[in-house]
Amino acid sequence: MPIYEYRCKACGDTFEVIQKFGDAPLRECRRCPGELEKLLSRAAFVLRGGGWYSDGYSRSKGSSDGDKKDKKDGAGDARAD
């Protein structure tokens, strides 16, 4: 479940709440009867494991298997004879 962050417009209290996607947004502050606003926060995004980086993006340019084949066959040769 996602964590949402709210701030009270009256007292300035800021807090986080775990809610389901389908839950209605909170309207009233827990400390005072003030109105709440939902804040936009940066998401925590972490890439772990082998994944996309080790499978294709970590190689230097021109080192993929397709490039090796083209060089071997002479198809990648730009010279005109």
N, C-alpha and C. Protein backbone atom coordinates (compact mmCIF):
# COMPACT_ATOMS: atom_id res chain seq x y z
N MET A 1 0.83 -1.18 0.00
CA MET A 1 0.00 0.00 0.00
C MET A 1 0.89 1.25 0.00
N PRO A 2 0.47 2.26 -0.71
CA PRO A 2 1.28 3.49 -0.78
C PRO A 2 1.19 4.32 0.49
N ILE A 3 2.21 5.12 0.68
CA ILE A 3 2.26 6.05 1.81
C ILE A 3 1.98 7.45 1.27
N TYR A 4 0.97 8.11 1.83
CA TYR A 4 0.61 9.45 1.41
C TYR A 4 1.02 10.45 2.49
N GLU A 5 1.38 11.63 2.07
CA GLU A 5 1.81 12.68 3.00
C GLU A 5 0.78 13.80 2.95
N TYR A 6 0.39 14.28 4.13
CA TYR A 6 -0.60 15.35 4.25
C TYR A 6 -0.03 16.48 5.10
N ARG A 7 -0.55 17.70 4.84
CA ARG A 7 -0.18 18.87 5.65
C ARG A 7 -1.47 19.64 5.95
N CYS A 8 -1.59 20.07 7.21
CA CYS A 8 -2.75 20.86 7.63
C CYS A 8 -2.54 22.30 7.21
N LYS A 9 -3.55 22.89 6.60
CA LYS A 9 -3.47 24.29 6.16
C LYS A 9 -3.56 25.25 7.35
N ALA A 10 -4.15 24.81 8.47
CA ALA A 10 -4.33 25.68 9.62
C ALA A 10 -3.11 25.66 10.56
N CYS A 11 -2.70 24.47 11.02
CA CYS A 11 -1.64 24.39 12.03
C CYS A 11 -0.27 24.01 11.43
N GLY A 12 -0.23 23.55 10.18
CA GLY A 12 1.02 23.22 9.53
C GLY A 12 1.56 21.84 9.85
N ASP A 13 0.82 21.04 10.62
CA ASP A 13 1.25 19.68 10.95
C ASP A 13 1.38 18.85 9.67
N THR A 14 2.50 18.16 9.52
CA THR A 14 2.73 17.30 8.36
C THR A 14 2.90 15.87 8.86
N PHE A 15 2.21 14.91 8.20
CA PHE A 15 2.29 13.52 8.62
C PHE A 15 2.05 12.60 7.42
N GLU A 16 2.44 11.33 7.61
CA GLU A 16 2.28 10.31 6.58
C GLU A 16 1.22 9.31 7.01
N VAL A 17 0.48 8.78 6.03
CA VAL A 17 -0.57 7.79 6.28
C VAL A 17 -0.48 6.70 5.22
N ILE A 18 -0.57 5.45 5.66
CA ILE A 18 -0.63 4.33 4.71
C ILE A 18 -2.09 4.13 4.35
N GLN A 19 -2.40 4.24 3.04
CA GLN A 19 -3.78 4.09 2.57
C GLN A 19 -3.81 3.22 1.33
N LYS A 20 -4.95 2.60 1.11
CA LYS A 20 -5.16 1.86 -0.13
C LYS A 20 -5.41 2.86 -1.26
N PHE A 21 -5.20 2.42 -2.51
CA PHE A 21 -5.45 3.30 -3.65
C PHE A 21 -6.89 3.77 -3.69
N GLY A 22 -7.82 2.91 -3.30
CA GLY A 22 -9.24 3.24 -3.38
C GLY A 22 -9.77 4.04 -2.21
N ASP A 23 -8.97 4.25 -1.16
CA ASP A 23 -9.43 5.02 0.00
C ASP A 23 -9.59 6.49 -0.35
N ALA A 24 -10.58 7.11 0.26
CA ALA A 24 -10.81 8.55 0.06
C ALA A 24 -9.70 9.33 0.77
N PRO A 25 -9.28 10.46 0.20
CA PRO A 25 -8.26 11.27 0.86
C PRO A 25 -8.77 11.81 2.20
N LEU A 26 -7.86 11.98 3.15
CA LEU A 26 -8.23 12.55 4.45
C LEU A 26 -8.59 14.02 4.26
N ARG A 27 -9.55 14.49 5.05
CA ARG A 27 -10.02 15.87 4.91
C ARG A 27 -9.71 16.73 6.13
N GLU A 28 -9.74 16.13 7.34
CA GLU A 28 -9.61 16.92 8.56
C GLU A 28 -8.35 16.54 9.33
N CYS A 29 -7.67 17.54 9.85
CA CYS A 29 -6.43 17.36 10.61
C CYS A 29 -6.70 16.55 11.88
N ARG A 30 -5.71 15.79 12.30
CA ARG A 30 -5.85 14.99 13.51
C ARG A 30 -5.58 15.81 14.77
N ARG A 31 -4.95 16.99 14.64
CA ARG A 31 -4.64 17.85 15.80
C ARG A 31 -5.63 19.00 15.97
N CYS A 32 -6.17 19.49 14.87
CA CYS A 32 -7.12 20.60 14.92
C CYS A 32 -8.20 20.36 13.86
N PRO A 33 -9.23 21.17 13.80
CA PRO A 33 -10.27 20.96 12.79
C PRO A 33 -9.90 21.55 11.42
N GLY A 34 -8.62 21.81 11.19
CA GLY A 34 -8.17 22.40 9.93
C GLY A 34 -8.27 21.46 8.74
N GLU A 35 -8.26 22.05 7.55
CA GLU A 35 -8.36 21.29 6.30
C GLU A 35 -6.97 20.78 5.90
N LEU A 36 -6.93 19.55 5.37
CA LEU A 36 -5.67 18.94 4.94
C LEU A 36 -5.47 19.09 3.45
N GLU A 37 -4.21 19.14 3.05
CA GLU A 37 -3.86 19.07 1.63
C GLU A 37 -2.91 17.89 1.44
N LYS A 38 -3.12 17.14 0.36
CA LYS A 38 -2.26 16.00 0.06
C LYS A 38 -1.02 16.53 -0.64
N LEU A 39 0.15 16.11 -0.17
CA LEU A 39 1.41 16.57 -0.74
C LEU A 39 1.93 15.58 -1.78
N LEU A 40 2.66 16.09 -2.74
CA LEU A 40 3.33 15.24 -3.72
C LEU A 40 4.75 15.01 -3.23
N SER A 41 5.12 13.77 -3.10
CA SER A 41 6.46 13.43 -2.62
C SER A 41 7.20 12.64 -3.68
N ARG A 42 8.51 12.68 -3.59
CA ARG A 42 9.32 11.88 -4.50
C ARG A 42 9.22 10.41 -4.11
N ALA A 43 9.12 9.58 -5.09
CA ALA A 43 9.03 8.15 -4.82
C ALA A 43 10.42 7.56 -4.60
N ALA A 44 10.49 6.57 -3.75
CA ALA A 44 11.75 5.85 -3.55
C ALA A 44 11.83 4.78 -4.64
N PHE A 45 12.79 4.90 -5.52
CA PHE A 45 12.91 3.99 -6.65
C PHE A 45 14.33 3.45 -6.69
N VAL A 46 14.48 2.14 -6.51
CA VAL A 46 15.81 1.54 -6.45
C VAL A 46 15.86 0.38 -7.43
N LEU A 47 16.88 0.35 -8.26
CA LEU A 47 17.10 -0.79 -9.15
C LEU A 47 18.13 -1.70 -8.49
N ARG A 48 17.76 -2.96 -8.34
CA ARG A 48 18.67 -3.92 -7.72
C ARG A 48 18.78 -5.16 -8.57
N GLY A 49 19.87 -5.88 -8.39
CA GLY A 49 20.06 -7.14 -9.11
C GLY A 49 20.70 -6.91 -10.46
N GLY A 50 20.74 -7.97 -11.27
CA GLY A 50 21.36 -7.90 -12.60
C GLY A 50 20.62 -6.94 -13.50
N GLY A 51 19.36 -7.22 -13.74
CA GLY A 51 18.46 -6.33 -14.46
C GLY A 51 18.95 -5.76 -15.77
N TRP A 52 18.36 -4.65 -16.14
CA TRP A 52 18.61 -4.04 -17.44
C TRP A 52 20.02 -3.52 -17.60
N TYR A 53 20.65 -3.04 -16.55
CA TYR A 53 21.96 -2.41 -16.69
C TYR A 53 23.01 -3.43 -17.13
N SER A 54 23.05 -4.58 -16.48
CA SER A 54 24.07 -5.56 -16.83
C SER A 54 23.73 -6.30 -18.12
N ASP A 55 22.48 -6.23 -18.56
CA ASP A 55 22.08 -6.93 -19.78
C ASP A 55 22.31 -6.15 -21.06
N GLY A 56 22.47 -4.86 -21.02
CA GLY A 56 22.61 -4.15 -22.27
C GLY A 56 23.24 -2.79 -22.21
N TYR A 57 23.05 -2.09 -21.11
CA TYR A 57 23.50 -0.70 -21.08
C TYR A 57 24.91 -0.53 -20.52
N SER A 58 25.47 -1.59 -19.96
CA SER A 58 26.80 -1.44 -19.38
C SER A 58 27.90 -1.65 -20.42
N ARG A 59 27.56 -2.22 -21.56
CA ARG A 59 28.56 -2.44 -22.61
C ARG A 59 28.91 -1.13 -23.31
N SER A 60 30.13 -1.06 -23.76
CA SER A 60 30.50 0.14 -24.51
C SER A 60 29.88 0.07 -25.90
N LYS A 61 29.77 1.20 -26.54
CA LYS A 61 29.14 1.27 -27.85
C LYS A 61 29.90 0.41 -28.85
N GLY A 62 29.16 -0.39 -29.60
CA GLY A 62 29.77 -1.22 -30.64
C GLY A 62 30.24 -2.57 -30.15
N SER A 63 29.87 -2.96 -28.93
CA SER A 63 30.34 -4.24 -28.43
C SER A 63 29.24 -5.29 -28.36
N SER A 64 28.08 -5.03 -28.95
CA SER A 64 27.02 -6.02 -28.93
C SER A 64 27.30 -7.12 -29.95
N ASP A 65 26.62 -8.25 -29.83
CA ASP A 65 26.85 -9.38 -30.73
C ASP A 65 26.54 -9.02 -32.18
N GLY A 66 25.53 -8.20 -32.41
CA GLY A 66 25.16 -7.80 -33.77
C GLY A 66 26.28 -7.00 -34.43
N ASP A 67 26.94 -6.15 -33.66
CA ASP A 67 28.05 -5.36 -34.21
C ASP A 67 29.23 -6.24 -34.56
N LYS A 68 29.50 -7.26 -33.74
CA LYS A 68 30.61 -8.17 -34.01
C LYS A 68 30.37 -8.93 -35.31
N LYS A 69 29.11 -9.33 -35.51
CA LYS A 69 28.78 -10.07 -36.72
C LYS A 69 28.96 -9.19 -37.96
N ASP A 70 28.48 -7.93 -37.87
CA ASP A 70 28.62 -7.01 -39.00
C ASP A 70 30.08 -6.77 -39.35
N LYS A 71 30.93 -6.61 -38.36
CA LYS A 71 32.35 -6.35 -38.60
C LYS A 71 33.02 -7.57 -39.22
N LYS A 72 32.61 -8.75 -38.76
CA LYS A 72 33.19 -9.99 -39.28
C LYS A 72 32.83 -10.18 -40.74
N ASP A 73 31.57 -9.90 -41.11
CA ASP A 73 31.11 -10.08 -42.49
C ASP A 73 31.52 -8.94 -43.40
N GLY A 74 31.98 -7.84 -42.83
CA GLY A 74 32.34 -6.68 -43.63
C GLY A 74 31.15 -5.80 -43.95
N ALA A 75 29.96 -6.13 -43.39
CA ALA A 75 28.76 -5.34 -43.66
C ALA A 75 28.84 -3.97 -43.02
N GLY A 76 29.59 -3.83 -41.95
CA GLY A 76 29.70 -2.56 -41.27
C GLY A 76 30.78 -1.67 -41.87
N ASP A 77 31.44 -2.10 -42.91
CA ASP A 77 32.52 -1.37 -43.54
C ASP A 77 31.96 -0.23 -44.37
N ALA A 78 32.38 1.00 -44.10
CA ALA A 78 31.84 2.17 -44.81
C ALA A 78 32.70 2.55 -46.01
N ARG A 79 33.83 1.86 -46.24
CA ARG A 79 34.72 2.21 -47.34
C ARG A 79 34.15 1.77 -48.69
N ALA A 80 34.32 2.56 -49.66
CA ALA A 80 33.91 2.18 -51.03
C ALA A 80 35.17 1.76 -51.79
N ASP A 81 35.12 0.56 -52.39
CA ASP A 81 36.28 0.06 -53.13
C ASP A 81 36.26 0.47 -54.58
